[in-house]
Amino acid sequence: VYVRFFVKEPPVWLENRRQQRLQRREVRAPFFKIFQRGMIANTLNACWWMASGFVNNYSVVALFPSYLQKDLHLSPALVALPVTLQNAAFFLASLGWGMISDRLGRRWAVMIPAILCIPCAPL
């Protein structure tokens, strides 16, 4: 809500939108369009990828500390270190891949880690 009301749009975006309105070629993407015949496969693929990402994230973020405490009988103090290191690594990786995405584009920023992880998957 804060971002919607208080963060201003960049001037370039506002000018582009103004020109599109003047020329009557403003692009609209209604919500239900993603469920039509030409887009449903892409929509389902995106849903599958998001679901798998949530499952992987949940297994690492929530289940791993539980495993360390319940099965390995580690104290909460000992569990805090790997969780803190994991969060720090995730934060730094997000910054790094964000910069790579800015330089190379989103497609390459997704494909490079996927290609690097394929040989690691069997391990």
PDB file of N, CA and C in Angstrom:
ATOM      1  N   VAL A   1       0.835  -1.182   0.000  1.00  0.00           N
ATOM      2  CA  VAL A   1       0.000   0.000   0.000  1.00  0.00           C
ATOM      3  C   VAL A   1       0.884   1.251   0.000  1.00  0.00           C
ATOM      4  N   TYR A   2       1.951   1.215   0.795  1.00  0.00           N
ATOM      5  CA  TYR A   2       2.848   2.362   0.856  1.00  0.00           C
ATOM      6  C   TYR A   2       3.451   2.649  -0.518  1.00  0.00           C
ATOM      7  N   VAL A   3       3.962   1.611  -1.172  1.00  0.00           N
ATOM      8  CA  VAL A   3       4.591   1.793  -2.478  1.00  0.00           C
ATOM      9  C   VAL A   3       3.584   2.340  -3.478  1.00  0.00           C
ATOM     10  N   ARG A   4       2.373   1.820  -3.468  1.00  0.00           N
ATOM     11  CA  ARG A   4       1.348   2.242  -4.425  1.00  0.00           C
ATOM     12  C   ARG A   4       1.040   3.735  -4.311  1.00  0.00           C
ATOM     13  N   PHE A   5       1.021   4.254  -3.090  1.00  0.00           N
ATOM     14  CA  PHE A   5       0.608   5.637  -2.899  1.00  0.00           C
ATOM     15  C   PHE A   5       1.759   6.637  -2.781  1.00  0.00           C
ATOM     16  N   PHE A   6       2.919   6.214  -2.317  1.00  0.00           N
ATOM     17  CA  PHE A   6       3.970   7.177  -2.012  1.00  0.00           C
ATOM     18  C   PHE A   6       5.203   7.100  -2.908  1.00  0.00           C
ATOM     19  N   VAL A   7       5.435   5.994  -3.595  1.00  0.00           N
ATOM     20  CA  VAL A   7       6.596   5.900  -4.477  1.00  0.00           C
ATOM     21  C   VAL A   7       6.190   6.395  -5.861  1.00  0.00           C
ATOM     22  N   LYS A   8       6.917   7.375  -6.348  1.00  0.00           N
ATOM     23  CA  LYS A   8       6.582   8.000  -7.631  1.00  0.00           C
ATOM     24  C   LYS A   8       7.143   7.176  -8.790  1.00  0.00           C
ATOM     25  N   GLU A   9       6.413   7.169  -9.898  1.00  0.00           N
ATOM     26  CA  GLU A   9       6.869   6.493 -11.108  1.00  0.00           C
ATOM     27  C   GLU A   9       8.021   7.273 -11.729  1.00  0.00           C
ATOM     28  N   PRO A  10       8.955   6.572 -12.402  1.00  0.00           N
ATOM     29  CA  PRO A  10      10.059   7.276 -13.065  1.00  0.00           C
ATOM     30  C   PRO A  10       9.535   8.181 -14.179  1.00  0.00           C
ATOM     31  N   PRO A  11      10.172   9.320 -14.419  1.00  0.00           N
ATOM     32  CA  PRO A  11       9.713  10.249 -15.452  1.00  0.00           C
ATOM     33  C   PRO A  11       9.683   9.623 -16.850  1.00  0.00           C
ATOM     34  N   VAL A  12      10.619   8.718 -17.128  1.00  0.00           N
ATOM     35  CA  VAL A  12      10.642   8.068 -18.446  1.00  0.00           C
ATOM     36  C   VAL A  12       9.379   7.239 -18.640  1.00  0.00           C
ATOM     37  N   TRP A  13       8.978   6.515 -17.600  1.00  0.00           N
ATOM     38  CA  TRP A  13       7.786   5.675 -17.690  1.00  0.00           C
ATOM     39  C   TRP A  13       6.538   6.540 -17.859  1.00  0.00           C
ATOM     40  N   LEU A  14       6.466   7.644 -17.102  1.00  0.00           N
ATOM     41  CA  LEU A  14       5.309   8.535 -17.214  1.00  0.00           C
ATOM     42  C   LEU A  14       5.204   9.132 -18.616  1.00  0.00           C
ATOM     43  N   GLU A  15       6.338   9.543 -19.179  1.00  0.00           N
ATOM     44  CA  GLU A  15       6.333  10.120 -20.527  1.00  0.00           C
ATOM     45  C   GLU A  15       5.924   9.068 -21.559  1.00  0.00           C
ATOM     46  N   ASN A  16       6.427   7.860 -21.424  1.00  0.00           N
ATOM     47  CA  ASN A  16       6.059   6.783 -22.347  1.00  0.00           C
ATOM     48  C   ASN A  16       4.559   6.493 -22.264  1.00  0.00           C
ATOM     49  N   ARG A  17       4.025   6.462 -21.073  1.00  0.00           N
ATOM     50  CA  ARG A  17       2.589   6.209 -20.898  1.00  0.00           C
ATOM     51  C   ARG A  17       1.754   7.348 -21.492  1.00  0.00           C
ATOM     52  N   ARG A  18       2.218   8.591 -21.287  1.00  0.00           N
ATOM     53  CA  ARG A  18       1.504   9.738 -21.847  1.00  0.00           C
ATOM     54  C   ARG A  18       1.481   9.675 -23.372  1.00  0.00           C
ATOM     55  N   GLN A  19       2.611   9.334 -23.979  1.00  0.00           N
ATOM     56  CA  GLN A  19       2.666   9.221 -25.437  1.00  0.00           C
ATOM     57  C   GLN A  19       1.774   8.090 -25.947  1.00  0.00           C
ATOM     58  N   GLN A  20       1.751   6.964 -25.233  1.00  0.00           N
ATOM     59  CA  GLN A  20       0.878   5.861 -25.643  1.00  0.00           C
ATOM     60  C   GLN A  20      -0.591   6.274 -25.587  1.00  0.00           C
ATOM     61  N   ARG A  21      -0.964   7.020 -24.575  1.00  0.00           N
ATOM     62  CA  ARG A  21      -2.359   7.466 -24.472  1.00  0.00           C
ATOM     63  C   ARG A  21      -2.717   8.451 -25.586  1.00  0.00           C
ATOM     64  N   LEU A  22      -1.788   9.350 -25.889  1.00  0.00           N
ATOM     65  CA  LEU A  22      -2.045  10.310 -26.962  1.00  0.00           C
ATOM     66  C   LEU A  22      -2.200   9.617 -28.312  1.00  0.00           C
ATOM     67  N   GLN A  23      -1.406   8.600 -28.550  1.00  0.00           N
ATOM     68  CA  GLN A  23      -1.447   7.880 -29.823  1.00  0.00           C
ATOM     69  C   GLN A  23      -2.471   6.742 -29.819  1.00  0.00           C
ATOM     70  N   ARG A  24      -3.157   6.583 -28.704  1.00  0.00           N
ATOM     71  CA  ARG A  24      -4.179   5.541 -28.528  1.00  0.00           C
ATOM     72  C   ARG A  24      -3.640   4.141 -28.828  1.00  0.00           C
ATOM     73  N   ARG A  25      -2.467   3.856 -28.322  1.00  0.00           N
ATOM     74  CA  ARG A  25      -1.885   2.526 -28.467  1.00  0.00           C
ATOM     75  C   ARG A  25      -1.376   2.014 -27.114  1.00  0.00           C
ATOM     76  N   GLU A  26      -2.113   2.368 -26.086  1.00  0.00           N
ATOM     77  CA  GLU A  26      -1.760   1.926 -24.738  1.00  0.00           C
ATOM     78  C   GLU A  26      -1.976   0.418 -24.616  1.00  0.00           C
ATOM     79  N   VAL A  27      -1.018  -0.255 -24.025  1.00  0.00           N
ATOM     80  CA  VAL A  27      -1.074  -1.710 -23.897  1.00  0.00           C
ATOM     81  C   VAL A  27      -1.821  -2.071 -22.624  1.00  0.00           C
ATOM     82  N   ARG A  28      -2.806  -2.905 -22.775  1.00  0.00           N
ATOM     83  CA  ARG A  28      -3.567  -3.407 -21.619  1.00  0.00           C
ATOM     84  C   ARG A  28      -3.436  -4.923 -21.581  1.00  0.00           C
ATOM     85  N   ALA A  29      -3.268  -5.468 -20.392  1.00  0.00           N
ATOM     86  CA  ALA A  29      -3.161  -6.915 -20.225  1.00  0.00           C
ATOM     87  C   ALA A  29      -4.158  -7.358 -19.158  1.00  0.00           C
ATOM     88  N   PRO A  30      -5.389  -7.661 -19.549  1.00  0.00           N
ATOM     89  CA  PRO A  30      -6.376  -8.078 -18.554  1.00  0.00           C
ATOM     90  C   PRO A  30      -5.994  -9.414 -17.915  1.00  0.00           C
ATOM     91  N   PHE A  31      -6.403  -9.578 -16.679  1.00  0.00           N
ATOM     92  CA  PHE A  31      -6.066 -10.768 -15.895  1.00  0.00           C
ATOM     93  C   PHE A  31      -6.531 -12.054 -16.569  1.00  0.00           C
ATOM     94  N   PHE A  32      -7.734 -12.069 -17.101  1.00  0.00           N
ATOM     95  CA  PHE A  32      -8.286 -13.307 -17.655  1.00  0.00           C
ATOM     96  C   PHE A  32      -7.633 -13.720 -18.968  1.00  0.00           C
ATOM     97  N   LYS A  33      -6.842 -12.838 -19.562  1.00  0.00           N
ATOM     98  CA  LYS A  33      -6.168 -13.167 -20.815  1.00  0.00           C
ATOM     99  C   LYS A  33      -5.154 -14.297 -20.625  1.00  0.00           C
ATOM    100  N   ILE A  34      -4.557 -14.416 -19.443  1.00  0.00           N
ATOM    101  CA  ILE A  34      -3.570 -15.470 -19.214  1.00  0.00           C
ATOM    102  C   ILE A  34      -4.213 -16.857 -19.140  1.00  0.00           C
ATOM    103  N   PHE A  35      -5.536 -16.913 -19.068  1.00  0.00           N
ATOM    104  CA  PHE A  35      -6.228 -18.197 -19.021  1.00  0.00           C
ATOM    105  C   PHE A  35      -6.873 -18.568 -20.354  1.00  0.00           C
ATOM    106  N   GLN A  36      -6.619 -17.784 -21.389  1.00  0.00           N
ATOM    107  CA  GLN A  36      -7.185 -18.094 -22.700  1.00  0.00           C
ATOM    108  C   GLN A  36      -6.306 -19.102 -23.420  1.00  0.00           C
ATOM    109  N   ARG A  37      -6.801 -19.571 -24.561  1.00  0.00           N
ATOM    110  CA  ARG A  37      -6.187 -20.679 -25.278  1.00  0.00           C
ATOM    111  C   ARG A  37      -4.704 -20.477 -25.573  1.00  0.00           C
ATOM    112  N   GLY A  38      -4.285 -19.345 -26.050  1.00  0.00           N
ATOM    113  CA  GLY A  38      -2.892 -19.156 -26.432  1.00  0.00           C
ATOM    114  C   GLY A  38      -1.924 -19.006 -25.273  1.00  0.00           C
ATOM    115  N   MET A  39      -2.438 -18.697 -24.088  1.00  0.00           N
ATOM    116  CA  MET A  39      -1.570 -18.412 -22.947  1.00  0.00           C
ATOM    117  C   MET A  39      -1.660 -19.440 -21.822  1.00  0.00           C
ATOM    118  N   ILE A  40      -2.618 -20.341 -21.856  1.00  0.00           N
ATOM    119  CA  ILE A  40      -2.842 -21.237 -20.715  1.00  0.00           C
ATOM    120  C   ILE A  40      -1.646 -22.155 -20.461  1.00  0.00           C
ATOM    121  N   ALA A  41      -0.976 -22.615 -21.527  1.00  0.00           N
ATOM    122  CA  ALA A  41       0.188 -23.484 -21.322  1.00  0.00           C
ATOM    123  C   ALA A  41       1.296 -22.724 -20.601  1.00  0.00           C
ATOM    124  N   ASN A  42       1.536 -21.487 -20.997  1.00  0.00           N
ATOM    125  CA  ASN A  42       2.554 -20.676 -20.338  1.00  0.00           C
ATOM    126  C   ASN A  42       2.162 -20.386 -18.889  1.00  0.00           C
ATOM    127  N   THR A  43       0.886 -20.125 -18.655  1.00  0.00           N
ATOM    128  CA  THR A  43       0.404 -19.865 -17.297  1.00  0.00           C
ATOM    129  C   THR A  43       0.596 -21.088 -16.404  1.00  0.00           C
ATOM    130  N   LEU A  44       0.234 -22.264 -16.908  1.00  0.00           N
ATOM    131  CA  LEU A  44       0.402 -23.491 -16.121  1.00  0.00           C
ATOM    132  C   LEU A  44       1.881 -23.803 -15.876  1.00  0.00           C
ATOM    133  N   ASN A  45       2.726 -23.534 -16.873  1.00  0.00           N
ATOM    134  CA  ASN A  45       4.163 -23.737 -16.710  1.00  0.00           C
ATOM    135  C   ASN A  45       4.707 -22.813 -15.624  1.00  0.00           C
ATOM    136  N   ALA A  46       4.293 -21.562 -15.634  1.00  0.00           N
ATOM    137  CA  ALA A  46       4.734 -20.616 -14.609  1.00  0.00           C
ATOM    138  C   ALA A  46       4.247 -21.046 -13.222  1.00  0.00           C
ATOM    139  N   CYS A  47       3.022 -21.541 -13.147  1.00  0.00           N
ATOM    140  CA  CYS A  47       2.496 -22.031 -11.863  1.00  0.00           C
ATOM    141  C   CYS A  47       3.304 -23.220 -11.356  1.00  0.00           C
ATOM    142  N   TRP A  48       3.674 -24.111 -12.263  1.00  0.00           N
ATOM    143  CA  TRP A  48       4.470 -25.293 -11.891  1.00  0.00           C
ATOM    144  C   TRP A  48       5.836 -24.860 -11.359  1.00  0.00           C
ATOM    145  N   TRP A  49       6.491 -23.915 -12.043  1.00  0.00           N
ATOM    146  CA  TRP A  49       7.796 -23.445 -11.607  1.00  0.00           C
ATOM    147  C   TRP A  49       7.693 -22.754 -10.244  1.00  0.00           C
ATOM    148  N   MET A  50       6.676 -21.938 -10.050  1.00  0.00           N
ATOM    149  CA  MET A  50       6.516 -21.251  -8.774  1.00  0.00           C
ATOM    150  C   MET A  50       6.242 -22.245  -7.640  1.00  0.00           C
ATOM    151  N   ALA A  51       5.399 -23.241  -7.905  1.00  0.00           N
ATOM    152  CA  ALA A  51       5.100 -24.251  -6.881  1.00  0.00           C
ATOM    153  C   ALA A  51       6.364 -25.022  -6.509  1.00  0.00           C
ATOM    154  N   SER A  52       7.155 -25.404  -7.506  1.00  0.00           N
ATOM    155  CA  SER A  52       8.386 -26.142  -7.199  1.00  0.00           C
ATOM    156  C   SER A  52       9.370 -25.258  -6.444  1.00  0.00           C
ATOM    157  N   GLY A  53       9.414 -23.978  -6.772  1.00  0.00           N
ATOM    158  CA  GLY A  53      10.277 -23.070  -6.028  1.00  0.00           C
ATOM    159  C   GLY A  53       9.848 -22.931  -4.575  1.00  0.00           C
ATOM    160  N   PHE A  54       8.538 -22.855  -4.342  1.00  0.00           N
ATOM    161  CA  PHE A  54       8.048 -22.774  -2.962  1.00  0.00           C
ATOM    162  C   PHE A  54       8.345 -24.058  -2.186  1.00  0.00           C
ATOM    163  N   VAL A  55       8.199 -25.203  -2.819  1.00  0.00           N
ATOM    164  CA  VAL A  55       8.482 -26.469  -2.141  1.00  0.00           C
ATOM    165  C   VAL A  55       9.961 -26.547  -1.786  1.00  0.00           C
ATOM    166  N   ASN A  56      10.833 -26.191  -2.730  1.00  0.00           N
ATOM    167  CA  ASN A  56      12.271 -26.210  -2.447  1.00  0.00           C
ATOM    168  C   ASN A  56      12.629 -25.225  -1.347  1.00  0.00           C
ATOM    169  N   ASN A  57      12.089 -24.029  -1.407  1.00  0.00           N
ATOM    170  CA  ASN A  57      12.381 -23.028  -0.392  1.00  0.00           C
ATOM    171  C   ASN A  57      11.896 -23.492   0.982  1.00  0.00           C
ATOM    172  N   TYR A  58      10.698 -24.055   1.039  1.00  0.00           N
ATOM    173  CA  TYR A  58      10.164 -24.514   2.322  1.00  0.00           C
ATOM    174  C   TYR A  58      11.016 -25.641   2.889  1.00  0.00           C
ATOM    175  N   SER A  59      11.464 -26.536   2.023  1.00  0.00           N
ATOM    176  CA  SER A  59      12.254 -27.662   2.520  1.00  0.00           C
ATOM    177  C   SER A  59      13.591 -27.195   3.079  1.00  0.00           C
ATOM    178  N   VAL A  60      14.164 -26.155   2.512  1.00  0.00           N
ATOM    179  CA  VAL A  60      15.457 -25.676   2.991  1.00  0.00           C
ATOM    180  C   VAL A  60      15.293 -24.740   4.185  1.00  0.00           C
ATOM    181  N   VAL A  61      14.340 -23.825   4.114  1.00  0.00           N
ATOM    182  CA  VAL A  61      14.212 -22.796   5.142  1.00  0.00           C
ATOM    183  C   VAL A  61      13.510 -23.320   6.401  1.00  0.00           C
ATOM    184  N   ALA A  62      12.476 -24.127   6.248  1.00  0.00           N
ATOM    185  CA  ALA A  62      11.694 -24.546   7.419  1.00  0.00           C
ATOM    186  C   ALA A  62      12.037 -25.958   7.890  1.00  0.00           C
ATOM    187  N   LEU A  63      12.204 -26.877   6.971  1.00  0.00           N
ATOM    188  CA  LEU A  63      12.396 -28.266   7.380  1.00  0.00           C
ATOM    189  C   LEU A  63      13.824 -28.573   7.817  1.00  0.00           C
ATOM    190  N   PHE A  64      14.813 -27.924   7.224  1.00  0.00           N
ATOM    191  CA  PHE A  64      16.203 -28.194   7.593  1.00  0.00           C
ATOM    192  C   PHE A  64      16.496 -27.851   9.053  1.00  0.00           C
ATOM    193  N   PRO A  65      16.077 -26.668   9.555  1.00  0.00           N
ATOM    194  CA  PRO A  65      16.302 -26.411  10.979  1.00  0.00           C
ATOM    195  C   PRO A  65      15.551 -27.390  11.892  1.00  0.00           C
ATOM    196  N   SER A  66      14.362 -27.803  11.476  1.00  0.00           N
ATOM    197  CA  SER A  66      13.625 -28.794  12.266  1.00  0.00           C
ATOM    198  C   SER A  66      14.375 -30.110  12.305  1.00  0.00           C
ATOM    199  N   TYR A  67      14.939 -30.503  11.173  1.00  0.00           N
ATOM    200  CA  TYR A  67      15.745 -31.732  11.106  1.00  0.00           C
ATOM    201  C   TYR A  67      16.947 -31.630  12.040  1.00  0.00           C
ATOM    202  N   LEU A  68      17.614 -30.492  12.027  1.00  0.00           N
ATOM    203  CA  LEU A  68      18.788 -30.323  12.880  1.00  0.00           C
ATOM    204  C   LEU A  68      18.425 -30.422  14.360  1.00  0.00           C
ATOM    205  N   GLN A  69      17.260 -29.883  14.733  1.00  0.00           N
ATOM    206  CA  GLN A  69      16.865 -29.915  16.144  1.00  0.00           C
ATOM    207  C   GLN A  69      16.307 -31.271  16.564  1.00  0.00           C
ATOM    208  N   LYS A  70      15.409 -31.822  15.765  1.00  0.00           N
ATOM    209  CA  LYS A  70      14.715 -33.051  16.180  1.00  0.00           C
ATOM    210  C   LYS A  70      15.574 -34.302  15.996  1.00  0.00           C
ATOM    211  N   ASP A  71      16.162 -34.452  14.817  1.00  0.00           N
ATOM    212  CA  ASP A  71      16.882 -35.702  14.539  1.00  0.00           C
ATOM    213  C   ASP A  71      18.325 -35.678  15.022  1.00  0.00           C
ATOM    214  N   LEU A  72      18.992 -34.562  14.883  1.00  0.00           N
ATOM    215  CA  LEU A  72      20.387 -34.477  15.314  1.00  0.00           C
ATOM    216  C   LEU A  72      20.532 -33.933  16.724  1.00  0.00           C
ATOM    217  N   HIS A  73      19.412 -33.526  17.344  1.00  0.00           N
ATOM    218  CA  HIS A  73      19.370 -33.059  18.736  1.00  0.00           C
ATOM    219  C   HIS A  73      20.338 -31.905  18.987  1.00  0.00           C
ATOM    220  N   LEU A  74      20.369 -30.963  18.050  1.00  0.00           N
ATOM    221  CA  LEU A  74      21.192 -29.778  18.247  1.00  0.00           C
ATOM    222  C   LEU A  74      20.393 -28.720  19.005  1.00  0.00           C
ATOM    223  N   SER A  75      21.090 -27.902  19.737  1.00  0.00           N
ATOM    224  CA  SER A  75      20.421 -26.839  20.480  1.00  0.00           C
ATOM    225  C   SER A  75      20.016 -25.724  19.512  1.00  0.00           C
ATOM    226  N   PRO A  76      19.052 -24.892  19.923  1.00  0.00           N
ATOM    227  CA  PRO A  76      18.674 -23.767  19.061  1.00  0.00           C
ATOM    228  C   PRO A  76      19.852 -22.844  18.728  1.00  0.00           C
ATOM    229  N   ALA A  77      20.798 -22.711  19.641  1.00  0.00           N
ATOM    230  CA  ALA A  77      21.961 -21.866  19.377  1.00  0.00           C
ATOM    231  C   ALA A  77      22.811 -22.440  18.241  1.00  0.00           C
ATOM    232  N   LEU A  78      22.951 -23.760  18.201  1.00  0.00           N
ATOM    233  CA  LEU A  78      23.731 -24.382  17.131  1.00  0.00           C
ATOM    234  C   LEU A  78      22.968 -24.372  15.800  1.00  0.00           C
ATOM    235  N   VAL A  79      21.656 -24.398  15.851  1.00  0.00           N
ATOM    236  CA  VAL A  79      20.852 -24.350  14.631  1.00  0.00           C
ATOM    237  C   VAL A  79      20.860 -22.944  14.038  1.00  0.00           C
ATOM    238  N   ALA A  80      21.019 -21.940  14.874  1.00  0.00           N
ATOM    239  CA  ALA A  80      20.973 -20.554  14.403  1.00  0.00           C
ATOM    240  C   ALA A  80      22.110 -20.236  13.440  1.00  0.00           C
ATOM    241  N   LEU A  81      23.282 -20.824  13.641  1.00  0.00           N
ATOM    242  CA  LEU A  81      24.416 -20.505  12.777  1.00  0.00           C
ATOM    243  C   LEU A  81      24.181 -20.909  11.322  1.00  0.00           C
ATOM    244  N   PRO A  82      23.816 -22.169  11.020  1.00  0.00           N
ATOM    245  CA  PRO A  82      23.599 -22.494   9.609  1.00  0.00           C
ATOM    246  C   PRO A  82      22.440 -21.711   8.988  1.00  0.00           C
ATOM    247  N   VAL A  83      21.400 -21.437   9.770  1.00  0.00           N
ATOM    248  CA  VAL A  83      20.267 -20.675   9.248  1.00  0.00           C
ATOM    249  C   VAL A  83      20.695 -19.241   8.937  1.00  0.00           C
ATOM    250  N   THR A  84      21.495 -18.642   9.812  1.00  0.00           N
ATOM    251  CA  THR A  84      21.991 -17.288   9.573  1.00  0.00           C
ATOM    252  C   THR A  84      22.907 -17.246   8.357  1.00  0.00           C
ATOM    253  N   LEU A  85      23.796 -18.220   8.241  1.00  0.00           N
ATOM    254  CA  LEU A  85      24.690 -18.274   7.083  1.00  0.00           C
ATOM    255  C   LEU A  85      23.902 -18.489   5.791  1.00  0.00           C
ATOM    256  N   GLN A  86      22.884 -19.313   5.859  1.00  0.00           N
ATOM    257  CA  GLN A  86      22.037 -19.566   4.688  1.00  0.00           C
ATOM    258  C   GLN A  86      21.331 -18.274   4.256  1.00  0.00           C
ATOM    259  N   ASN A  87      20.783 -17.534   5.198  1.00  0.00           N
ATOM    260  CA  ASN A  87      20.106 -16.281   4.865  1.00  0.00           C
ATOM    261  C   ASN A  87      21.087 -15.246   4.316  1.00  0.00           C
ATOM    262  N   ALA A  88      22.289 -15.186   4.874  1.00  0.00           N
ATOM    263  CA  ALA A  88      23.298 -14.249   4.370  1.00  0.00           C
ATOM    264  C   ALA A  88      23.712 -14.625   2.951  1.00  0.00           C
ATOM    265  N   ALA A  89      23.907 -15.922   2.701  1.00  0.00           N
ATOM    266  CA  ALA A  89      24.285 -16.373   1.351  1.00  0.00           C
ATOM    267  C   ALA A  89      23.166 -16.072   0.361  1.00  0.00           C
ATOM    268  N   PHE A  90      21.933 -16.288   0.770  1.00  0.00           N
ATOM    269  CA  PHE A  90      20.808 -15.992  -0.118  1.00  0.00           C
ATOM    270  C   PHE A  90      20.747 -14.500  -0.437  1.00  0.00           C
ATOM    271  N   PHE A  91      20.963 -13.667   0.561  1.00  0.00           N
ATOM    272  CA  PHE A  91      20.939 -12.214   0.357  1.00  0.00           C
ATOM    273  C   PHE A  91      22.032 -11.786  -0.619  1.00  0.00           C
ATOM    274  N   LEU A  92      23.252 -12.277  -0.422  1.00  0.00           N
ATOM    275  CA  LEU A  92      24.355 -11.920  -1.307  1.00  0.00           C
ATOM    276  C   LEU A  92      24.152 -12.473  -2.717  1.00  0.00           C
ATOM    277  N   ALA A  93      23.616 -13.695  -2.816  1.00  0.00           N
ATOM    278  CA  ALA A  93      23.352 -14.272  -4.131  1.00  0.00           C
ATOM    279  C   ALA A  93      22.275 -13.478  -4.860  1.00  0.00           C
ATOM    280  N   SER A  94      21.272 -13.008  -4.133  1.00  0.00           N
ATOM    281  CA  SER A  94      20.226 -12.196  -4.754  1.00  0.00           C
ATOM    282  C   SER A  94      20.801 -10.901  -5.303  1.00  0.00           C
ATOM    283  N   LEU A  95      21.681 -10.273  -4.545  1.00  0.00           N
ATOM    284  CA  LEU A  95      22.332  -9.051  -5.028  1.00  0.00           C
ATOM    285  C   LEU A  95      23.170  -9.339  -6.269  1.00  0.00           C
ATOM    286  N   GLY A  96      23.953 -10.412  -6.205  1.00  0.00           N
ATOM    287  CA  GLY A  96      24.820 -10.760  -7.335  1.00  0.00           C
ATOM    288  C   GLY A  96      24.045 -11.092  -8.590  1.00  0.00           C
ATOM    289  N   TRP A  97      23.029 -11.934  -8.461  1.00  0.00           N
ATOM    290  CA  TRP A  97      22.264 -12.305  -9.656  1.00  0.00           C
ATOM    291  C   TRP A  97      21.381 -11.159 -10.122  1.00  0.00           C
ATOM    292  N   GLY A  98      21.037 -10.247  -9.237  1.00  0.00           N
ATOM    293  CA  GLY A  98      20.316  -9.050  -9.666  1.00  0.00           C
ATOM    294  C   GLY A  98      21.189  -8.185 -10.555  1.00  0.00           C
ATOM    295  N   MET A  99      22.463  -8.042 -10.179  1.00  0.00           N
ATOM    296  CA  MET A  99      23.389  -7.265 -11.018  1.00  0.00           C
ATOM    297  C   MET A  99      23.647  -7.976 -12.349  1.00  0.00           C
ATOM    298  N   ILE A 100      23.770  -9.290 -12.305  1.00  0.00           N
ATOM    299  CA  ILE A 100      23.952 -10.047 -13.548  1.00  0.00           C
ATOM    300  C   ILE A 100      22.722  -9.904 -14.433  1.00  0.00           C
ATOM    301  N   SER A 101      21.558  -9.931 -13.832  1.00  0.00           N
ATOM    302  CA  SER A 101      20.321  -9.753 -14.594  1.00  0.00           C
ATOM    303  C   SER A 101      20.263  -8.383 -15.251  1.00  0.00           C
ATOM    304  N   ASP A 102      20.729  -7.361 -14.552  1.00  0.00           N
ATOM    305  CA  ASP A 102      20.758  -6.015 -15.133  1.00  0.00           C
ATOM    306  C   ASP A 102      21.711  -5.940 -16.322  1.00  0.00           C
ATOM    307  N   ARG A 103      22.815  -6.664 -16.229  1.00  0.00           N
ATOM    308  CA  ARG A 103      23.822  -6.595 -17.298  1.00  0.00           C
ATOM    309  C   ARG A 103      23.510  -7.526 -18.462  1.00  0.00           C
ATOM    310  N   LEU A 104      23.158  -8.775 -18.167  1.00  0.00           N
ATOM    311  CA  LEU A 104      22.980  -9.774 -19.223  1.00  0.00           C
ATOM    312  C   LEU A 104      21.526  -9.963 -19.636  1.00  0.00           C
ATOM    313  N   GLY A 105      20.610  -9.584 -18.777  1.00  0.00           N
ATOM    314  CA  GLY A 105      19.190  -9.802 -19.036  1.00  0.00           C
ATOM    315  C   GLY A 105      18.645 -10.913 -18.156  1.00  0.00           C
ATOM    316  N   ARG A 106      17.332 -10.904 -17.987  1.00  0.00           N
ATOM    317  CA  ARG A 106      16.698 -11.869 -17.091  1.00  0.00           C
ATOM    318  C   ARG A 106      16.843 -13.307 -17.579  1.00  0.00           C
ATOM    319  N   ARG A 107      16.748 -13.495 -18.879  1.00  0.00           N
ATOM    320  CA  ARG A 107      16.807 -14.856 -19.419  1.00  0.00           C
ATOM    321  C   ARG A 107      18.142 -15.523 -19.092  1.00  0.00           C
ATOM    322  N   TRP A 108      19.256 -14.814 -19.325  1.00  0.00           N
ATOM    323  CA  TRP A 108      20.556 -15.393 -19.032  1.00  0.00           C
ATOM    324  C   TRP A 108      20.776 -15.553 -17.532  1.00  0.00           C
ATOM    325  N   ALA A 109      20.222 -14.638 -16.732  1.00  0.00           N
ATOM    326  CA  ALA A 109      20.376 -14.741 -15.284  1.00  0.00           C
ATOM    327  C   ALA A 109      19.642 -15.956 -14.727  1.00  0.00           C
ATOM    328  N   VAL A 110      18.671 -16.474 -15.446  1.00  0.00           N
ATOM    329  CA  VAL A 110      17.980 -17.699 -15.032  1.00  0.00           C
ATOM    330  C   VAL A 110      18.668 -18.925 -15.624  1.00  0.00           C
ATOM    331  N   MET A 111      19.106 -18.817 -16.877  1.00  0.00           N
ATOM    332  CA  MET A 111      19.684 -19.983 -17.554  1.00  0.00           C
ATOM    333  C   MET A 111      21.049 -20.366 -16.999  1.00  0.00           C
ATOM    334  N   ILE A 112      21.873 -19.396 -16.632  1.00  0.00           N
ATOM    335  CA  ILE A 112      23.224 -19.709 -16.144  1.00  0.00           C
ATOM    336  C   ILE A 112      23.186 -20.559 -14.874  1.00  0.00           C
ATOM    337  N   PRO A 113      22.434 -20.191 -13.818  1.00  0.00           N
ATOM    338  CA  PRO A 113      22.405 -21.072 -12.647  1.00  0.00           C
ATOM    339  C   PRO A 113      21.763 -22.423 -12.948  1.00  0.00           C
ATOM    340  N   ALA A 114      20.787 -22.437 -13.844  1.00  0.00           N
ATOM    341  CA  ALA A 114      20.166 -23.718 -14.188  1.00  0.00           C
ATOM    342  C   ALA A 114      21.166 -24.643 -14.855  1.00  0.00           C
ATOM    343  N   ILE A 115      21.979 -24.101 -15.759  1.00  0.00           N
ATOM    344  CA  ILE A 115      22.992 -24.915 -16.433  1.00  0.00           C
ATOM    345  C   ILE A 115      24.063 -25.362 -15.443  1.00  0.00           C
ATOM    346  N   LEU A 116      24.430 -24.490 -14.517  1.00  0.00           N
ATOM    347  CA  LEU A 116      25.437 -24.863 -13.511  1.00  0.00           C
ATOM    348  C   LEU A 116      24.921 -25.919 -12.541  1.00  0.00           C
ATOM    349  N   CYS A 117      23.622 -25.922 -12.279  1.00  0.00           N
ATOM    350  CA  CYS A 117      23.055 -26.853 -11.295  1.00  0.00           C
ATOM    351  C   CYS A 117      22.723 -28.219 -11.875  1.00  0.00           C
ATOM    352  N   ILE A 118      22.594 -28.326 -13.183  1.00  0.00           N
ATOM    353  CA  ILE A 118      22.234 -29.608 -13.792  1.00  0.00           C
ATOM    354  C   ILE A 118      23.240 -30.709 -13.421  1.00  0.00           C
ATOM    355  N   PRO A 119      24.552 -30.471 -13.511  1.00  0.00           N
ATOM    356  CA  PRO A 119      25.486 -31.532 -13.107  1.00  0.00           C
ATOM    357  C   PRO A 119      25.437 -31.818 -11.613  1.00  0.00           C
ATOM    358  N   CYS A 120      25.011 -30.867 -10.807  1.00  0.00           N
ATOM    359  CA  CYS A 120      24.969 -31.058  -9.361  1.00  0.00           C
ATOM    360  C   CYS A 120      23.724 -31.820  -8.904  1.00  0.00           C
ATOM    361  N   ALA A 121      22.687 -31.855  -9.727  1.00  0.00           N
ATOM    362  CA  ALA A 121      21.426 -32.476  -9.321  1.00  0.00           C
ATOM    363  C   ALA A 121      21.589 -33.933  -8.912  1.00  0.00           C
ATOM    364  N   PRO A 122      22.332 -34.765  -9.667  1.00  0.00           N
ATOM    365  CA  PRO A 122      22.480 -36.164  -9.228  1.00  0.00           C
ATOM    366  C   PRO A 122      23.237 -36.306  -7.916  1.00  0.00           C
ATOM    367  N   LEU A 123      24.075 -35.329  -7.603  1.00  0.00           N
ATOM    368  CA  LEU A 123      24.854 -35.409  -6.368  1.00  0.00           C
ATOM    369  C   LEU A 123      23.972 -35.234  -5.149  1.00  0.00           C
TER     370      LEU A 123
END
